[in-house]
Amino acid sequence: MAKVEFLGPIGRAPVEVSVRSLAELKEHFKDDAQLSEWLAICSVAVNDTLVCGLDTPINENDKISLLPPVCGG
């Protein structure tokens, strides 16, 4: 199973999911209203590499990180 990390202010514990692509991950979380809002604005990294396509494949033991926008000075 792949591990999903929710970084920064998302404030959730990591979870393990069985998905084959980022599209399936999005579908997996579709009924969670709060998380759906974050998914719309977060960057996504798979194994510490930023990705942007929903067709990005996910393999067993991959680490998926949801990175919310950050501002600072």
PDB file of N, CA and C in Angstrom:
ATOM      1  N   MET A   1       0.832  -1.176   0.000  1.00  0.00           N
ATOM      2  CA  MET A   1       0.000   0.000   0.000  1.00  0.00           C
ATOM      3  C   MET A   1       0.885   1.251   0.000  1.00  0.00           C
ATOM      4  N   ALA A   2       0.401   2.294  -0.634  1.00  0.00           N
ATOM      5  CA  ALA A   2       1.111   3.566  -0.662  1.00  0.00           C
ATOM      6  C   ALA A   2       0.746   4.367   0.580  1.00  0.00           C
ATOM      7  N   LYS A   3       1.676   5.181   1.025  1.00  0.00           N
ATOM      8  CA  LYS A   3       1.454   6.018   2.207  1.00  0.00           C
ATOM      9  C   LYS A   3       1.216   7.453   1.759  1.00  0.00           C
ATOM     10  N   VAL A   4       0.150   8.074   2.284  1.00  0.00           N
ATOM     11  CA  VAL A   4      -0.171   9.466   1.971  1.00  0.00           C
ATOM     12  C   VAL A   4       0.132  10.315   3.194  1.00  0.00           C
ATOM     13  N   GLU A   5       0.981  11.339   2.999  1.00  0.00           N
ATOM     14  CA  GLU A   5       1.313  12.295   4.047  1.00  0.00           C
ATOM     15  C   GLU A   5       0.568  13.600   3.781  1.00  0.00           C
ATOM     16  N   PHE A   6       0.007  14.166   4.824  1.00  0.00           N
ATOM     17  CA  PHE A   6      -0.713  15.436   4.734  1.00  0.00           C
ATOM     18  C   PHE A   6       0.126  16.482   5.464  1.00  0.00           C
ATOM     19  N   LEU A   7       0.839  17.303   4.726  1.00  0.00           N
ATOM     20  CA  LEU A   7       1.793  18.220   5.332  1.00  0.00           C
ATOM     21  C   LEU A   7       1.157  19.550   5.735  1.00  0.00           C
ATOM     22  N   GLY A   8       1.884  20.278   6.579  1.00  0.00           N
ATOM     23  CA  GLY A   8       1.477  21.622   6.975  1.00  0.00           C
ATOM     24  C   GLY A   8       0.134  21.673   7.673  1.00  0.00           C
ATOM     25  N   PRO A   9      -0.663  22.689   7.340  1.00  0.00           N
ATOM     26  CA  PRO A   9      -1.914  22.926   8.070  1.00  0.00           C
ATOM     27  C   PRO A   9      -3.038  21.938   7.776  1.00  0.00           C
ATOM     28  N   ILE A  10      -2.810  20.985   6.892  1.00  0.00           N
ATOM     29  CA  ILE A  10      -3.856  19.982   6.645  1.00  0.00           C
ATOM     30  C   ILE A  10      -4.142  19.240   7.941  1.00  0.00           C
ATOM     31  N   GLY A  11      -3.103  18.952   8.700  1.00  0.00           N
ATOM     32  CA  GLY A  11      -3.261  18.431  10.046  1.00  0.00           C
ATOM     33  C   GLY A  11      -3.882  17.057  10.174  1.00  0.00           C
ATOM     34  N   ARG A  12      -3.488  16.147   9.312  1.00  0.00           N
ATOM     35  CA  ARG A  12      -4.001  14.770   9.415  1.00  0.00           C
ATOM     36  C   ARG A  12      -2.836  13.805   9.541  1.00  0.00           C
ATOM     37  N   ALA A  13      -3.127  12.699  10.199  1.00  0.00           N
ATOM     38  CA  ALA A  13      -2.133  11.639  10.308  1.00  0.00           C
ATOM     39  C   ALA A  13      -1.997  10.949   8.952  1.00  0.00           C
ATOM     40  N   PRO A  14      -0.808  10.417   8.639  1.00  0.00           N
ATOM     41  CA  PRO A  14      -0.632   9.680   7.391  1.00  0.00           C
ATOM     42  C   PRO A  14      -1.580   8.481   7.322  1.00  0.00           C
ATOM     43  N   VAL A  15      -1.973   8.128   6.095  1.00  0.00           N
ATOM     44  CA  VAL A  15      -2.823   6.957   5.874  1.00  0.00           C
ATOM     45  C   VAL A  15      -2.221   6.110   4.763  1.00  0.00           C
ATOM     46  N   GLU A  16      -2.565   4.846   4.761  1.00  0.00           N
ATOM     47  CA  GLU A  16      -2.148   3.954   3.686  1.00  0.00           C
ATOM     48  C   GLU A  16      -3.341   3.686   2.788  1.00  0.00           C
ATOM     49  N   VAL A  17      -3.102   3.722   1.480  1.00  0.00           N
ATOM     50  CA  VAL A  17      -4.161   3.518   0.498  1.00  0.00           C
ATOM     51  C   VAL A  17      -3.678   2.552  -0.571  1.00  0.00           C
ATOM     52  N   SER A  18      -4.630   1.893  -1.192  1.00  0.00           N
ATOM     53  CA  SER A  18      -4.329   1.008  -2.310  1.00  0.00           C
ATOM     54  C   SER A  18      -4.909   1.641  -3.569  1.00  0.00           C
ATOM     55  N   VAL A  19      -4.071   2.396  -4.274  1.00  0.00           N
ATOM     56  CA  VAL A  19      -4.478   3.063  -5.512  1.00  0.00           C
ATOM     57  C   VAL A  19      -3.390   2.848  -6.552  1.00  0.00           C
ATOM     58  N   ARG A  20      -3.765   2.994  -7.824  1.00  0.00           N
ATOM     59  CA  ARG A  20      -2.795   2.798  -8.914  1.00  0.00           C
ATOM     60  C   ARG A  20      -2.405   4.085  -9.614  1.00  0.00           C
ATOM     61  N   SER A  21      -3.100   5.205  -9.294  1.00  0.00           N
ATOM     62  CA  SER A  21      -2.787   6.490  -9.923  1.00  0.00           C
ATOM     63  C   SER A  21      -3.278   7.611  -9.023  1.00  0.00           C
ATOM     64  N   LEU A  22      -2.854   8.837  -9.329  1.00  0.00           N
ATOM     65  CA  LEU A  22      -3.351   9.980  -8.576  1.00  0.00           C
ATOM     66  C   LEU A  22      -4.836  10.190  -8.824  1.00  0.00           C
ATOM     67  N   ALA A  23      -5.324   9.811  -9.994  1.00  0.00           N
ATOM     68  CA  ALA A  23      -6.762   9.909 -10.267  1.00  0.00           C
ATOM     69  C   ALA A  23      -7.536   9.017  -9.290  1.00  0.00           C
ATOM     70  N   GLU A  24      -7.030   7.817  -9.041  1.00  0.00           N
ATOM     71  CA  GLU A  24      -7.685   6.923  -8.081  1.00  0.00           C
ATOM     72  C   GLU A  24      -7.595   7.483  -6.667  1.00  0.00           C
ATOM     73  N   LEU A  25      -6.489   8.150  -6.346  1.00  0.00           N
ATOM     74  CA  LEU A  25      -6.363   8.768  -5.033  1.00  0.00           C
ATOM     75  C   LEU A  25      -7.405   9.869  -4.858  1.00  0.00           C
ATOM     76  N   LYS A  26      -7.570  10.676  -5.874  1.00  0.00           N
ATOM     77  CA  LYS A  26      -8.582  11.742  -5.829  1.00  0.00           C
ATOM     78  C   LYS A  26      -9.968  11.132  -5.638  1.00  0.00           C
ATOM     79  N   GLU A  27     -10.254  10.070  -6.335  1.00  0.00           N
ATOM     80  CA  GLU A  27     -11.541   9.378  -6.204  1.00  0.00           C
ATOM     81  C   GLU A  27     -11.700   8.808  -4.789  1.00  0.00           C
ATOM     82  N   HIS A  28     -10.607   8.290  -4.243  1.00  0.00           N
ATOM     83  CA  HIS A  28     -10.622   7.696  -2.901  1.00  0.00           C
ATOM     84  C   HIS A  28     -11.070   8.713  -1.845  1.00  0.00           C
ATOM     85  N   PHE A  29     -10.651   9.974  -2.014  1.00  0.00           N
ATOM     86  CA  PHE A  29     -10.947  11.015  -1.030  1.00  0.00           C
ATOM     87  C   PHE A  29     -12.125  11.908  -1.416  1.00  0.00           C
ATOM     88  N   LYS A  30     -12.873  11.577  -2.456  1.00  0.00           N
ATOM     89  CA  LYS A  30     -13.914  12.468  -2.982  1.00  0.00           C
ATOM     90  C   LYS A  30     -15.025  12.785  -1.995  1.00  0.00           C
ATOM     91  N   ASP A  31     -15.321  11.901  -1.066  1.00  0.00           N
ATOM     92  CA  ASP A  31     -16.421  12.127  -0.125  1.00  0.00           C
ATOM     93  C   ASP A  31     -16.001  12.889   1.128  1.00  0.00           C
ATOM     94  N   ASP A  32     -14.729  13.232   1.224  1.00  0.00           N
ATOM     95  CA  ASP A  32     -14.226  13.990   2.370  1.00  0.00           C
ATOM     96  C   ASP A  32     -14.177  15.465   1.966  1.00  0.00           C
ATOM     97  N   ALA A  33     -15.194  16.233   2.359  1.00  0.00           N
ATOM     98  CA  ALA A  33     -15.341  17.623   1.917  1.00  0.00           C
ATOM     99  C   ALA A  33     -14.125  18.477   2.272  1.00  0.00           C
ATOM    100  N   GLN A  34     -13.612  18.369   3.492  1.00  0.00           N
ATOM    101  CA  GLN A  34     -12.468  19.178   3.895  1.00  0.00           C
ATOM    102  C   GLN A  34     -11.229  18.835   3.075  1.00  0.00           C
ATOM    103  N   LEU A  35     -10.984  17.550   2.895  1.00  0.00           N
ATOM    104  CA  LEU A  35      -9.806  17.137   2.150  1.00  0.00           C
ATOM    105  C   LEU A  35      -9.944  17.472   0.671  1.00  0.00           C
ATOM    106  N   SER A  36     -11.136  17.406   0.121  1.00  0.00           N
ATOM    107  CA  SER A  36     -11.354  17.763  -1.283  1.00  0.00           C
ATOM    108  C   SER A  36     -10.957  19.205  -1.543  1.00  0.00           C
ATOM    109  N   GLU A  37     -11.234  20.096  -0.587  1.00  0.00           N
ATOM    110  CA  GLU A  37     -10.820  21.499  -0.728  1.00  0.00           C
ATOM    111  C   GLU A  37      -9.302  21.609  -0.785  1.00  0.00           C
ATOM    112  N   TRP A  38      -8.609  20.866   0.073  1.00  0.00           N
ATOM    113  CA  TRP A  38      -7.147  20.887   0.052  1.00  0.00           C
ATOM    114  C   TRP A  38      -6.602  20.313  -1.253  1.00  0.00           C
ATOM    115  N   LEU A  39      -7.199  19.224  -1.730  1.00  0.00           N
ATOM    116  CA  LEU A  39      -6.700  18.596  -2.961  1.00  0.00           C
ATOM    117  C   LEU A  39      -6.742  19.563  -4.140  1.00  0.00           C
ATOM    118  N   ALA A  40      -7.689  20.462  -4.142  1.00  0.00           N
ATOM    119  CA  ALA A  40      -7.829  21.420  -5.245  1.00  0.00           C
ATOM    120  C   ALA A  40      -6.673  22.421  -5.298  1.00  0.00           C
ATOM    121  N   ILE A  41      -5.988  22.651  -4.159  1.00  0.00           N
ATOM    122  CA  ILE A  41      -4.953  23.691  -4.140  1.00  0.00           C
ATOM    123  C   ILE A  41      -3.562  23.172  -3.790  1.00  0.00           C
ATOM    124  N   CYS A  42      -3.434  21.911  -3.442  1.00  0.00           N
ATOM    125  CA  CYS A  42      -2.147  21.344  -3.034  1.00  0.00           C
ATOM    126  C   CYS A  42      -1.304  20.921  -4.234  1.00  0.00           C
ATOM    127  N   SER A  43       0.004  21.008  -4.037  1.00  0.00           N
ATOM    128  CA  SER A  43       0.934  20.335  -4.937  1.00  0.00           C
ATOM    129  C   SER A  43       1.063  18.907  -4.425  1.00  0.00           C
ATOM    130  N   VAL A  44       1.501  18.029  -5.304  1.00  0.00           N
ATOM    131  CA  VAL A  44       1.630  16.615  -4.930  1.00  0.00           C
ATOM    132  C   VAL A  44       3.028  16.134  -5.296  1.00  0.00           C
ATOM    133  N   ALA A  45       3.630  15.410  -4.373  1.00  0.00           N
ATOM    134  CA  ALA A  45       4.922  14.779  -4.637  1.00  0.00           C
ATOM    135  C   ALA A  45       4.766  13.280  -4.444  1.00  0.00           C
ATOM    136  N   VAL A  46       5.394  12.520  -5.332  1.00  0.00           N
ATOM    137  CA  VAL A  46       5.451  11.070  -5.203  1.00  0.00           C
ATOM    138  C   VAL A  46       6.920  10.717  -5.021  1.00  0.00           C
ATOM    139  N   ASN A  47       7.218  10.113  -3.896  1.00  0.00           N
ATOM    140  CA  ASN A  47       8.608   9.783  -3.554  1.00  0.00           C
ATOM    141  C   ASN A  47       9.516  11.001  -3.651  1.00  0.00           C
ATOM    142  N   ASP A  48       9.020  12.126  -3.126  1.00  0.00           N
ATOM    143  CA  ASP A  48       9.749  13.395  -3.030  1.00  0.00           C
ATOM    144  C   ASP A  48      10.007  14.077  -4.375  1.00  0.00           C
ATOM    145  N   THR A  49       9.282  13.687  -5.413  1.00  0.00           N
ATOM    146  CA  THR A  49       9.368  14.340  -6.717  1.00  0.00           C
ATOM    147  C   THR A  49       8.011  14.950  -7.046  1.00  0.00           C
ATOM    148  N   LEU A  50       7.984  16.258  -7.312  1.00  0.00           N
ATOM    149  CA  LEU A  50       6.718  16.912  -7.647  1.00  0.00           C
ATOM    150  C   LEU A  50       6.160  16.346  -8.944  1.00  0.00           C
ATOM    151  N   VAL A  51       4.857  16.098  -8.950  1.00  0.00           N
ATOM    152  CA  VAL A  51       4.162  15.583 -10.134  1.00  0.00           C
ATOM    153  C   VAL A  51       2.916  16.427 -10.360  1.00  0.00           C
ATOM    154  N   CYS A  52       2.368  16.372 -11.592  1.00  0.00           N
ATOM    155  CA  CYS A  52       1.177  17.185 -11.842  1.00  0.00           C
ATOM    156  C   CYS A  52       0.073  16.448 -12.584  1.00  0.00           C
ATOM    157  N   GLY A  53       0.328  15.310 -13.152  1.00  0.00           N
ATOM    158  CA  GLY A  53      -0.697  14.612 -13.911  1.00  0.00           C
ATOM    159  C   GLY A  53      -1.463  13.598 -13.081  1.00  0.00           C
ATOM    160  N   LEU A  54      -2.789  13.596 -13.227  1.00  0.00           N
ATOM    161  CA  LEU A  54      -3.604  12.613 -12.508  1.00  0.00           C
ATOM    162  C   LEU A  54      -3.331  11.193 -12.977  1.00  0.00           C
ATOM    163  N   ASP A  55      -2.693  11.059 -14.141  1.00  0.00           N
ATOM    164  CA  ASP A  55      -2.366   9.721 -14.646  1.00  0.00           C
ATOM    165  C   ASP A  55      -1.039   9.201 -14.087  1.00  0.00           C
ATOM    166  N   THR A  56      -0.430   9.952 -13.172  1.00  0.00           N
ATOM    167  CA  THR A  56       0.823   9.517 -12.555  1.00  0.00           C
ATOM    168  C   THR A  56       0.604   8.181 -11.856  1.00  0.00           C
ATOM    169  N   PRO A  57       1.393   7.167 -12.213  1.00  0.00           N
ATOM    170  CA  PRO A  57       1.204   5.856 -11.587  1.00  0.00           C
ATOM    171  C   PRO A  57       1.671   5.853 -10.135  1.00  0.00           C
ATOM    172  N   ILE A  58       0.983   5.084  -9.323  1.00  0.00           N
ATOM    173  CA  ILE A  58       1.342   4.897  -7.918  1.00  0.00           C
ATOM    174  C   ILE A  58       1.629   3.415  -7.719  1.00  0.00           C
ATOM    175  N   ASN A  59       2.774   3.140  -7.131  1.00  0.00           N
ATOM    176  CA  ASN A  59       3.178   1.768  -6.866  1.00  0.00           C
ATOM    177  C   ASN A  59       3.100   1.468  -5.374  1.00  0.00           C
ATOM    178  N   GLU A  60       3.090   0.188  -5.056  1.00  0.00           N
ATOM    179  CA  GLU A  60       3.108  -0.214  -3.660  1.00  0.00           C
ATOM    180  C   GLU A  60       4.356   0.370  -3.014  1.00  0.00           C
ATOM    181  N   ASN A  61       4.239   0.823  -1.794  1.00  0.00           N
ATOM    182  CA  ASN A  61       5.339   1.405  -1.016  1.00  0.00           C
ATOM    183  C   ASN A  61       5.742   2.806  -1.453  1.00  0.00           C
ATOM    184  N   ASP A  62       5.012   3.431  -2.386  1.00  0.00           N
ATOM    185  CA  ASP A  62       5.286   4.825  -2.731  1.00  0.00           C
ATOM    186  C   ASP A  62       4.857   5.730  -1.589  1.00  0.00           C
ATOM    187  N   LYS A  63       5.502   6.891  -1.506  1.00  0.00           N
ATOM    188  CA  LYS A  63       5.117   7.916  -0.536  1.00  0.00           C
ATOM    189  C   LYS A  63       4.517   9.081  -1.313  1.00  0.00           C
ATOM    190  N   ILE A  64       3.277   9.412  -1.003  1.00  0.00           N
ATOM    191  CA  ILE A  64       2.573  10.520  -1.653  1.00  0.00           C
ATOM    192  C   ILE A  64       2.459  11.640  -0.627  1.00  0.00           C
ATOM    193  N   SER A  65       2.945  12.819  -0.973  1.00  0.00           N
ATOM    194  CA  SER A  65       2.905  13.951  -0.049  1.00  0.00           C
ATOM    195  C   SER A  65       2.005  15.030  -0.632  1.00  0.00           C
ATOM    196  N   LEU A  66       1.033  15.476   0.161  1.00  0.00           N
ATOM    197  CA  LEU A  66       0.178  16.593  -0.223  1.00  0.00           C
ATOM    198  C   LEU A  66       0.762  17.850   0.400  1.00  0.00           C
ATOM    199  N   LEU A  67       1.176  18.807  -0.458  1.00  0.00           N
ATOM    200  CA  LEU A  67       1.876  20.009  -0.033  1.00  0.00           C
ATOM    201  C   LEU A  67       1.000  21.229  -0.226  1.00  0.00           C
ATOM    202  N   PRO A  68       0.430  21.767   0.836  1.00  0.00           N
ATOM    203  CA  PRO A  68      -0.421  22.947   0.701  1.00  0.00           C
ATOM    204  C   PRO A  68       0.403  24.168   0.331  1.00  0.00           C
ATOM    205  N   PRO A  69      -0.232  25.187  -0.262  1.00  0.00           N
ATOM    206  CA  PRO A  69       0.484  26.415  -0.583  1.00  0.00           C
ATOM    207  C   PRO A  69       1.022  27.055   0.698  1.00  0.00           C
ATOM    208  N   VAL A  70       2.167  27.707   0.555  1.00  0.00           N
ATOM    209  CA  VAL A  70       2.810  28.326   1.705  1.00  0.00           C
ATOM    210  C   VAL A  70       3.141  29.766   1.353  1.00  0.00           C
ATOM    211  N   CYS A  71       3.029  30.628   2.337  1.00  0.00           N
ATOM    212  CA  CYS A  71       3.486  32.004   2.127  1.00  0.00           C
ATOM    213  C   CYS A  71       4.346  32.377   3.306  1.00  0.00           C
ATOM    214  N   GLY A  72       5.179  33.320   3.102  1.00  0.00           N
ATOM    215  CA  GLY A  72       6.063  33.724   4.189  1.00  0.00           C
ATOM    216  C   GLY A  72       6.962  34.853   3.736  1.00  0.00           C
ATOM    217  N   GLY A  73       7.839  35.200   4.550  1.00  0.00           N
ATOM    218  CA  GLY A  73       8.718  36.308   4.219  1.00  0.00           C
ATOM    219  C   GLY A  73      10.115  36.090   4.652  1.00  0.00           C
TER     220      GLY A  73
END
